[in-house]
């Protein structure tokens, strides 16, 4: 019998296993998929490196810095800013502190007025100095937070709303104001990017560290039920495996995604938001800019688009370019109020819808672009409605623990931090103090 079974080889499960093995515990990780990573997976398709849905990695996440060697990832970093399609053309807004010379250009764009800039600072500044627990006091939906700060102009409607719709996977402004502020803090402090080998490089490094510590990771092994063994004596838990023999351990961590956690624990399934990403191959890029681009006019289903190969050239074969375009899936709302955008809230965007909108955004013919793949990620992110509660305890019942970003914040930071908390809880329960990152 093992000391701990971890069900799920996503970021939370792997981080938990890594910490437990560092303290000498016998750990086995059961993963239903054919590779580690959960939602952080990368596939090679026709020589292109495709993450499962558009993703970014922010080196400002504290749990990420504790968990992996960022230098080994050989990250390419996106520019800190956003490019906006307006009725007058393209406007680039950059981080004013990192690019002070861009302030005049931003003001001339018509997207940033002085009152809006003051209102944004009023809204965002507390996140730079207050912990999340303070930000979450008297929490309200994001749209109400912006209203309270006096943020109403084009900086909100043409820049922040479409940009954050892609980040939060919803466009109504229902997300917790505190959580949105937290993300903006991380964007302000870090420079998000992607590993040269794709987002999967993160869980692969975590898995390598867990294996080096002695953990066994069993792929293609789906857990289907949990049952207590010798409960009167507190001896452990048996995990049933699909088409395999059961596995036994003194303790079990359920670190699966929001879609599967209910079936193993009986917990209510967390509400989630979905995203759809279209991956296009092109011989020539539509722009030389590496900035994430949004449509400030809000005329279609695409909430953001970017030329991936300007930041991570390894995502495409030599001489080719990879362009990502992300839309909200049904069940979420673009929040635009236009007829075209309202339609996308109730129906999945078609290829024609996406191509038409990309032509409007980029101002170029995209008919020759080849669709490599479309990723529909229904459970892209756990919904983070207001009021934002504190991270949930990993202890679910006797000897059973739960981890995942649905127990914390909907982010890579939240997933890793949740795995760390589950590991600490087990170490305390077995009489081992502290953790070794």
Protein backbone atom coordinates (compact mmCIF):
# COMPACT_ATOMS: atom_id res chain seq x y z
CA UNK A 1 0.00 0.00 0.00
CA UNK A 2 1.28 3.46 -0.94
CA UNK A 3 1.49 6.44 1.39
CA UNK A 4 -0.41 8.69 -1.05
CA UNK A 5 -2.28 8.29 -4.32
CA UNK A 6 -2.64 11.49 -6.34
CA UNK A 7 -5.43 11.30 -8.91
CA UNK A 8 -4.66 13.64 -11.79
CA UNK A 9 -1.32 14.69 -13.28
CA UNK A 10 -2.21 18.32 -13.88
CA UNK A 11 -0.29 21.16 -12.27
CA UNK A 12 -1.92 20.76 -8.84
CA UNK A 13 -1.41 17.00 -8.68
CA UNK A 14 2.18 17.09 -9.91
CA UNK A 15 3.18 19.89 -7.54
CA UNK A 16 1.61 18.00 -4.65
CA UNK A 17 3.43 14.80 -5.62
CA UNK A 18 6.71 16.67 -6.01
CA UNK A 19 6.54 18.06 -2.47
CA UNK A 20 5.44 14.78 -0.90
CA UNK A 21 8.23 12.75 -2.49
CA UNK A 22 10.73 15.39 -1.37
CA UNK A 23 9.81 14.34 2.18
CA UNK A 24 10.23 10.66 1.56
CA UNK A 25 6.61 9.60 1.05
CA UNK A 26 5.73 6.79 -1.35
CA UNK A 27 3.53 8.47 -3.98
CA UNK A 28 1.79 7.14 -7.09
CA UNK A 29 0.06 9.48 -9.53
CA UNK A 30 -2.84 8.12 -11.60
CA UNK A 31 -3.53 10.00 -14.83
CA UNK A 32 -6.34 9.09 -17.22
CA UNK A 33 -4.69 10.82 -20.19
CA UNK A 34 -1.75 9.73 -22.30
CA UNK A 35 0.52 12.51 -20.99
CA UNK A 36 0.87 14.72 -17.95
CA UNK A 37 -0.43 18.27 -17.89
CA UNK A 38 -4.22 18.32 -17.62
CA UNK A 39 -5.26 21.55 -19.36
CA UNK A 40 -1.60 22.45 -19.94
CA UNK A 41 -0.90 20.23 -22.94
CA UNK A 42 0.95 20.82 -26.22
CA UNK A 43 0.63 18.79 -29.42
CA UNK A 44 2.78 18.73 -32.55
CA UNK A 45 0.52 18.95 -35.63
CA UNK A 46 2.12 19.14 -39.09
CA UNK A 47 5.23 20.64 -37.51
CA UNK A 48 3.28 23.29 -35.58
CA UNK A 49 3.34 23.39 -31.79
CA UNK A 50 -0.25 23.80 -30.59
CA UNK A 51 -1.18 24.32 -26.95
CA UNK A 52 -4.65 23.08 -26.07
CA UNK A 53 -6.23 26.49 -26.24
CA UNK A 54 -4.34 29.78 -26.22
CA UNK A 55 -2.31 30.02 -23.03
CA UNK A 56 0.21 32.34 -21.43
CA UNK A 57 2.64 31.77 -18.58
CA UNK A 58 3.31 34.62 -16.16
CA UNK A 59 6.70 34.42 -14.42
CA UNK A 60 5.36 36.79 -11.74
CA UNK A 61 3.32 33.95 -10.22
CA UNK A 62 5.00 33.18 -6.87
CA UNK A 63 4.02 29.50 -6.91
CA UNK A 64 5.45 29.11 -10.42
CA UNK A 65 8.81 30.51 -9.32
CA UNK A 66 8.83 28.07 -6.40
CA UNK A 67 7.93 25.09 -8.55
CA UNK A 68 9.98 25.18 -11.75
CA UNK A 69 13.24 26.44 -13.17
CA UNK A 70 12.07 29.25 -15.44
CA UNK A 71 15.44 29.52 -17.18
CA UNK A 72 15.16 25.94 -18.42
CA UNK A 73 11.85 26.80 -20.11
CA UNK A 74 13.60 29.22 -22.52
CA UNK A 75 10.55 31.46 -22.56
CA UNK A 76 9.66 33.92 -25.24
CA UNK A 77 7.89 36.95 -23.77
CA UNK A 78 4.98 38.82 -25.27
CA UNK A 79 5.28 42.62 -25.34
CA UNK A 80 3.63 44.20 -22.30
CA UNK A 81 0.67 45.89 -23.86
CA UNK A 82 -2.23 45.39 -26.25
CA UNK A 83 -2.97 46.36 -29.84
CA UNK A 84 -6.47 47.62 -30.57
CA UNK A 85 -8.33 47.78 -33.87
CA UNK A 86 -10.30 51.01 -33.95
CA UNK A 87 -12.36 52.77 -36.60
CA UNK A 88 -9.26 54.84 -37.41
CA UNK A 89 -6.81 51.92 -37.66
CA UNK A 90 -4.51 50.09 -35.23
CA UNK A 91 -3.48 51.61 -31.89
CA UNK A 92 -0.84 50.12 -29.61
CA UNK A 93 -1.09 50.70 -25.85
CA UNK A 94 2.00 49.71 -23.90
CA UNK A 95 2.88 49.49 -20.20
CA UNK A 96 3.43 53.17 -19.33
CA UNK A 97 6.15 52.51 -16.74
CA UNK A 98 8.14 50.15 -18.95
CA UNK A 99 7.58 52.21 -22.09
CA UNK A 100 7.26 55.82 -20.90
CA UNK A 101 7.77 57.15 -24.43
CA UNK A 102 4.53 55.42 -25.43
CA UNK A 103 2.38 57.59 -23.17
CA UNK A 104 2.00 60.37 -25.75
CA UNK A 105 1.09 57.83 -28.44
CA UNK A 106 -1.49 56.26 -26.14
CA UNK A 107 -3.10 59.61 -25.42
CA UNK A 108 -3.24 60.42 -29.14
CA UNK A 109 -4.96 57.10 -29.89
CA UNK A 110 -8.28 58.38 -28.58
CA UNK A 111 -8.55 55.29 -26.38
CA UNK A 112 -7.11 56.86 -23.26
CA UNK A 113 -8.48 60.04 -21.74
CA UNK A 114 -7.02 61.60 -18.62
CA UNK A 115 -10.16 60.86 -16.55
CA UNK A 116 -10.08 57.23 -17.70
CA UNK A 117 -6.38 56.92 -16.85
CA UNK A 118 -7.02 58.31 -13.37
CA UNK A 119 -10.00 55.97 -12.90
CA UNK A 120 -7.94 52.94 -13.99
CA UNK A 121 -5.18 53.88 -11.55
CA UNK A 122 -7.79 54.31 -8.81
CA UNK A 123 -9.14 50.83 -9.57
CA UNK A 124 -5.83 49.00 -10.01
CA UNK A 125 -3.55 50.68 -7.44
CA UNK A 126 -4.90 48.82 -4.37
CA UNK A 127 -3.90 45.50 -5.95
CA UNK A 128 -0.25 46.55 -5.92
CA UNK A 129 -0.14 47.03 -2.16
CA UNK A 130 -2.89 44.89 -0.63
CA UNK A 131 -3.09 41.10 -0.29
CA UNK A 132 -5.92 39.26 -2.00
CA UNK A 133 -7.73 38.77 1.31
CA UNK A 134 -7.97 42.55 1.68
CA UNK A 135 -9.03 43.05 -1.91
CA UNK A 136 -11.79 40.48 -1.45
CA UNK A 137 -13.40 42.35 1.44
CA UNK A 138 -16.78 43.69 0.26
CA UNK A 139 -16.08 42.16 -3.14
CA UNK A 140 -18.38 43.02 -6.06
CA UNK A 141 -18.56 42.02 -9.75
CA UNK A 142 -15.92 43.54 -11.99
CA UNK A 143 -18.37 45.72 -13.91
CA UNK A 144 -19.51 47.30 -10.64
CA UNK A 145 -15.90 47.78 -9.57
CA UNK A 146 -15.18 49.74 -12.74
CA UNK A 147 -18.38 51.76 -12.30
CA UNK A 148 -17.36 52.62 -8.72
CA UNK A 149 -13.92 53.75 -9.92
CA UNK A 150 -15.52 55.99 -12.55
CA UNK A 151 -14.09 54.00 -15.47
CA UNK A 152 -16.61 54.38 -18.31
CA UNK A 153 -14.86 55.53 -21.49
CA UNK A 154 -13.12 53.80 -24.41
CA UNK A 155 -10.27 52.56 -22.22
CA UNK A 156 -12.87 50.32 -20.63
CA UNK A 157 -15.16 49.48 -23.55
CA UNK A 158 -12.58 49.16 -26.34
CA UNK A 159 -9.52 47.91 -24.45
CA UNK A 160 -10.08 46.42 -21.01
CA UNK A 161 -13.39 44.66 -21.64
CA UNK A 162 -12.31 42.77 -24.79
CA UNK A 163 -8.84 42.07 -23.36
CA UNK A 164 -10.10 40.66 -20.06
CA UNK A 165 -12.89 38.72 -21.79
CA UNK A 166 -10.19 36.48 -23.22
CA UNK A 167 -8.32 36.29 -19.91
CA UNK A 168 -11.39 35.55 -17.76
CA UNK A 169 -13.31 33.59 -20.42
CA UNK A 170 -16.39 35.75 -19.90
CA UNK A 171 -17.43 39.19 -21.09
CA UNK A 172 -20.34 40.20 -18.87
CA UNK A 173 -18.18 41.51 -16.04
CA UNK A 174 -19.53 38.89 -13.61
CA UNK A 175 -16.05 37.92 -12.43
CA UNK A 176 -14.91 38.97 -8.98
CA UNK A 177 -13.49 42.48 -8.93
CA UNK A 178 -10.82 41.32 -6.46
CA UNK A 179 -9.70 38.47 -8.72
CA UNK A 180 -9.51 40.74 -11.78
CA UNK A 181 -7.39 43.19 -9.80
CA UNK A 182 -5.10 40.35 -8.75
CA UNK A 183 -4.56 39.33 -12.37
CA UNK A 184 -3.84 42.91 -13.37
CA UNK A 185 -1.22 43.04 -10.61
CA UNK A 186 0.49 39.96 -12.05
CA UNK A 187 0.36 41.48 -15.54
CA UNK A 188 1.91 44.68 -14.18
CA UNK A 189 4.72 42.85 -12.36
CA UNK A 190 5.50 40.11 -14.86
CA UNK A 191 6.01 39.68 -18.55
CA UNK A 192 3.85 36.76 -19.68
CA UNK A 193 5.12 34.50 -22.41
CA UNK A 194 5.44 30.85 -23.39
CA UNK A 195 8.12 28.17 -23.17
CA UNK A 196 9.92 27.39 -26.42
CA UNK A 197 8.61 23.81 -26.24
CA UNK A 198 5.02 24.85 -25.45
CA UNK A 199 3.01 25.17 -22.26
CA UNK A 200 3.43 21.42 -21.68
CA UNK A 201 7.04 22.10 -20.69
CA UNK A 202 5.77 23.24 -17.28
CA UNK A 203 4.00 20.02 -16.21
CA UNK A 204 6.74 17.96 -17.85
CA UNK A 205 9.32 19.63 -15.62
CA UNK A 206 7.12 19.10 -12.56
CA UNK A 207 6.70 15.44 -13.48
CA UNK A 208 10.44 14.98 -13.95
CA UNK A 209 11.08 16.43 -10.50
CA UNK A 210 8.41 14.23 -8.94
CA UNK A 211 9.86 11.12 -10.61
CA UNK A 212 13.36 12.11 -9.49
CA UNK A 213 12.03 12.15 -5.94
CA UNK A 214 10.65 8.64 -6.33
CA UNK A 215 7.06 9.19 -7.48
CA UNK A 216 5.48 6.75 -9.91
CA UNK A 217 3.29 8.33 -12.61
CA UNK A 218 0.90 5.93 -14.31
CA UNK A 219 -0.55 7.30 -17.56
CA UNK A 220 -3.70 5.93 -19.16
CA UNK A 221 -4.99 4.98 -15.71
CA UNK A 222 -8.44 6.40 -15.01
CA UNK A 223 -9.73 6.33 -11.44
CA UNK A 224 -13.45 5.60 -11.24
CA UNK A 225 -14.36 5.26 -7.56
CA UNK A 226 -12.99 5.61 -4.04
CA UNK A 227 -13.81 3.36 -1.10
CA UNK A 228 -12.56 3.33 2.47
CA UNK A 229 -10.60 0.33 3.66
CA UNK A 230 -10.71 -0.66 7.30
CA UNK A 231 -12.26 2.67 8.16
CA UNK A 232 -12.66 1.73 11.81
CA UNK A 233 -8.90 1.36 12.01
CA UNK A 234 -8.23 4.29 9.71
CA UNK A 235 -6.03 2.18 7.45
CA UNK A 236 -6.59 3.79 4.06
CA UNK A 237 -8.52 4.22 0.82
CA UNK A 238 -8.89 1.98 -2.22
CA UNK A 239 -9.04 3.61 -5.65
CA UNK A 240 -10.84 1.65 -8.35
CA UNK A 241 -9.22 1.84 -11.79
CA UNK A 242 -11.00 1.46 -15.13
CA UNK A 243 -9.95 -1.86 -16.70
CA UNK A 244 -7.33 -2.41 -14.02
CA UNK A 245 -6.67 -3.58 -10.51
CA UNK A 246 -7.49 -1.22 -7.63
CA UNK A 247 -4.73 0.78 -5.99
CA UNK A 248 -4.50 1.34 -2.25
CA UNK A 249 -2.96 4.08 -0.15
CA UNK A 250 -3.16 5.57 3.31
CA UNK A 251 -4.27 8.89 1.77
CA UNK A 252 -5.66 10.11 -1.54
CA UNK A 253 -5.51 13.50 -3.24
CA UNK A 254 -8.14 14.16 -5.92
CA UNK A 255 -6.50 16.67 -8.26
CA UNK A 256 -8.68 16.38 -11.35
CA UNK A 257 -10.34 19.12 -13.37
CA UNK A 258 -13.67 20.76 -12.59
CA UNK A 259 -15.48 18.36 -14.93
CA UNK A 260 -14.39 15.23 -13.04
CA UNK A 261 -14.08 16.25 -9.40
CA UNK A 262 -17.76 15.68 -8.57
CA UNK A 263 -17.75 12.06 -9.72
CA UNK A 264 -14.89 11.12 -7.40
CA UNK A 265 -15.72 13.22 -4.35
CA UNK A 266 -19.45 13.99 -4.43
CA UNK A 267 -18.65 17.70 -4.39
CA UNK A 268 -20.77 19.96 -6.60
CA UNK A 269 -19.19 20.48 -10.00
CA UNK A 270 -17.60 23.95 -10.09
CA UNK A 271 -19.05 26.44 -12.56
CA UNK A 272 -16.70 27.04 -15.47
CA UNK A 273 -16.23 29.34 -18.45
CA UNK A 274 -15.26 28.09 -21.88
CA UNK A 275 -12.96 29.30 -24.64
CA UNK A 276 -12.51 28.34 -28.28
CA UNK A 277 -9.15 28.80 -29.99
CA UNK A 278 -8.58 28.62 -33.73
CA UNK A 279 -5.05 27.90 -34.93
CA UNK A 280 -4.17 29.19 -38.40
CA UNK A 281 -1.03 28.65 -40.48
CA UNK A 282 0.11 31.38 -42.86
CA UNK A 283 3.06 31.93 -45.18
CA UNK A 284 3.13 35.62 -44.25
CA UNK A 285 2.07 37.21 -40.93
CA UNK A 286 -0.67 39.86 -40.97
CA UNK A 287 1.51 42.20 -38.89
CA UNK A 288 5.03 42.60 -37.62
CA UNK A 289 3.71 43.30 -34.12
CA UNK A 290 3.85 40.61 -31.42
CA UNK A 291 1.21 42.38 -29.32
CA UNK A 292 -2.02 40.61 -28.41
CA UNK A 293 -4.68 42.27 -30.55
CA UNK A 294 -8.35 42.96 -29.77
CA UNK A 295 -11.18 44.58 -31.69
CA UNK A 296 -12.14 47.78 -29.92
CA UNK A 297 -15.19 48.06 -32.18
CA UNK A 298 -16.50 44.67 -30.92
CA UNK A 299 -17.77 43.49 -34.32
CA UNK A 300 -17.46 39.73 -34.09
CA UNK A 301 -16.69 36.62 -32.06
CA UNK A 302 -12.89 36.94 -31.76
CA UNK A 303 -11.91 38.33 -28.36
CA UNK A 304 -8.19 38.30 -29.10
CA UNK A 305 -5.74 37.25 -31.78
CA UNK A 306 -1.95 37.13 -31.94
CA UNK A 307 0.87 36.02 -34.20
CA UNK A 308 2.41 33.38 -31.97
CA UNK A 309 5.60 33.00 -33.98
CA UNK A 310 6.65 36.60 -33.37
CA UNK A 311 7.13 35.61 -29.71
CA UNK A 312 7.88 31.87 -29.90
CA UNK A 313 9.27 31.05 -33.37
CA UNK A 314 9.53 27.39 -32.36
CA UNK A 315 5.74 27.11 -32.56
CA UNK A 316 5.92 26.80 -36.38
CA UNK A 317 8.17 25.21 -39.01
CA UNK A 318 10.74 27.47 -40.65
CA UNK A 319 9.16 29.89 -43.08
CA UNK A 320 5.64 29.52 -41.65
CA UNK A 321 3.67 31.54 -39.11
CA UNK A 322 1.12 30.49 -36.49
CA UNK A 323 -1.79 32.78 -35.66
CA UNK A 324 -4.17 32.16 -32.75
CA UNK A 325 -7.71 33.52 -32.55
CA UNK A 326 -9.77 33.02 -29.41
CA UNK A 327 -13.55 33.26 -28.95
CA UNK A 328 -15.90 32.74 -26.03
CA UNK A 329 -17.84 29.49 -26.05
CA UNK A 330 -21.63 29.39 -25.65
CA UNK A 331 -22.69 29.95 -22.09
CA UNK A 332 -20.44 33.00 -21.88
CA UNK A 333 -21.24 36.41 -23.30
CA UNK A 334 -19.01 38.79 -25.19
CA UNK A 335 -20.70 41.64 -23.36
CA UNK A 336 -20.60 43.83 -26.44
CA UNK A 337 -24.26 44.57 -26.97
CA UNK A 338 -23.90 44.45 -30.76
CA UNK A 339 -26.11 42.10 -32.79
CA UNK A 340 -23.15 40.16 -34.19
CA UNK A 341 -21.55 39.69 -30.80
CA UNK A 342 -24.83 38.82 -29.08
CA UNK A 343 -25.33 35.99 -31.58
CA UNK A 344 -22.00 34.45 -30.60
CA UNK A 345 -23.15 34.21 -27.00
CA UNK A 346 -25.65 31.48 -27.89
CA UNK A 347 -23.88 29.70 -30.76
CA UNK A 348 -20.35 28.45 -31.36
CA UNK A 349 -18.51 30.67 -33.83
CA UNK A 350 -18.17 29.16 -37.30
CA UNK A 351 -15.02 29.25 -39.39
CA UNK A 352 -16.64 31.82 -41.67
CA UNK A 353 -17.50 34.01 -38.66
CA UNK A 354 -13.94 33.85 -37.41
CA UNK A 355 -12.31 34.46 -40.80
CA UNK A 356 -14.59 37.43 -41.49
CA UNK A 357 -13.76 38.97 -38.13
CA UNK A 358 -10.01 38.34 -38.52
CA UNK A 359 -10.07 40.13 -41.86
CA UNK A 360 -11.70 43.12 -40.15
CA UNK A 361 -9.20 43.08 -37.29
CA UNK A 362 -6.05 42.60 -39.34
CA UNK A 363 -7.20 44.50 -42.42
CA UNK A 364 -5.93 41.79 -44.73
CA UNK A 365 -7.17 38.82 -46.74
CA UNK A 366 -6.98 35.65 -44.62
CA UNK A 367 -8.61 33.26 -47.11
CA UNK A 368 -5.30 31.51 -47.75
CA UNK A 369 -4.74 30.80 -44.08
CA UNK A 370 -4.98 27.11 -43.25
CA UNK A 371 -6.94 25.97 -40.21
CA UNK A 372 -4.68 23.55 -38.36
CA UNK A 373 -7.03 22.87 -35.45
CA UNK A 374 -9.90 24.27 -33.42
CA UNK A 375 -9.79 23.77 -29.64
CA UNK A 376 -13.08 23.94 -27.76
CA UNK A 377 -12.17 24.04 -24.08
CA UNK A 378 -15.52 23.94 -22.28
CA UNK A 379 -13.93 23.96 -18.83
CA UNK A 380 -11.16 26.41 -19.66
CA UNK A 381 -11.39 28.24 -16.32
CA UNK A 382 -13.39 27.89 -13.13
CA UNK A 383 -15.78 30.82 -12.82
CA UNK A 384 -14.68 33.33 -10.18
CA UNK A 385 -17.88 35.10 -9.18
CA UNK A 386 -18.08 37.75 -6.50
CA UNK A 387 -17.73 37.64 -3.61
CA UNK A 388 -14.40 35.85 -3.91
CA UNK A 389 -13.94 33.43 -1.04
CA UNK A 390 -10.66 32.35 0.53
CA UNK A 391 -8.85 29.28 -0.86
CA UNK A 392 -10.77 26.15 0.13
CA UNK A 393 -9.27 23.70 2.57
CA UNK A 394 -7.71 20.68 0.85
CA UNK A 395 -9.18 18.34 3.52
CA UNK A 396 -12.41 16.83 2.20
CA UNK A 397 -12.88 13.89 4.56
CA UNK A 398 -10.78 11.47 6.56
CA UNK A 399 -7.63 10.75 4.53
CA UNK A 400 -9.12 12.37 1.41
CA UNK A 401 -7.89 15.70 0.02
CA UNK A 402 -8.88 17.83 -2.97
CA UNK A 403 -6.64 20.12 -5.04
CA UNK A 404 -6.99 22.20 -8.19
CA UNK A 405 -7.46 25.76 -9.37
CA UNK A 406 -11.19 25.40 -8.66
CA UNK A 407 -10.16 25.31 -4.97
CA UNK A 408 -8.14 28.52 -5.25
CA UNK A 409 -7.92 31.08 -8.05
CA UNK A 410 -8.57 30.23 -11.70
CA UNK A 411 -4.96 30.36 -12.85
CA UNK A 412 -1.70 28.47 -13.05
CA UNK A 413 -0.82 30.21 -9.79
CA UNK A 414 -4.01 28.88 -8.18
CA UNK A 415 -3.43 25.32 -9.37
CA UNK A 416 0.15 25.18 -8.08
CA UNK A 417 -0.72 26.86 -4.78
CA UNK A 418 -3.60 24.42 -4.25
CA UNK A 419 -1.26 21.47 -4.81
CA UNK A 420 1.13 22.94 -2.27
CA UNK A 421 -1.61 23.29 0.33
CA UNK A 422 -2.72 19.69 -0.15
CA UNK A 423 0.86 18.52 0.31
CA UNK A 424 1.30 20.60 3.45
CA UNK A 425 -1.94 19.24 4.91
CA UNK A 426 -0.78 15.65 4.35
CA UNK A 427 2.65 16.33 5.79
CA UNK A 428 1.04 17.77 8.91
CA UNK A 429 -1.34 14.81 9.18
CA UNK A 430 1.51 12.29 8.94
CA UNK A 431 3.64 14.21 11.38
CA UNK A 432 6.15 15.80 8.98
CA UNK A 433 6.55 19.55 9.34
CA UNK A 434 7.34 22.05 6.59
CA UNK A 435 7.68 21.63 2.84
CA UNK A 436 10.63 21.47 0.54
CA UNK A 437 10.04 23.35 -2.73
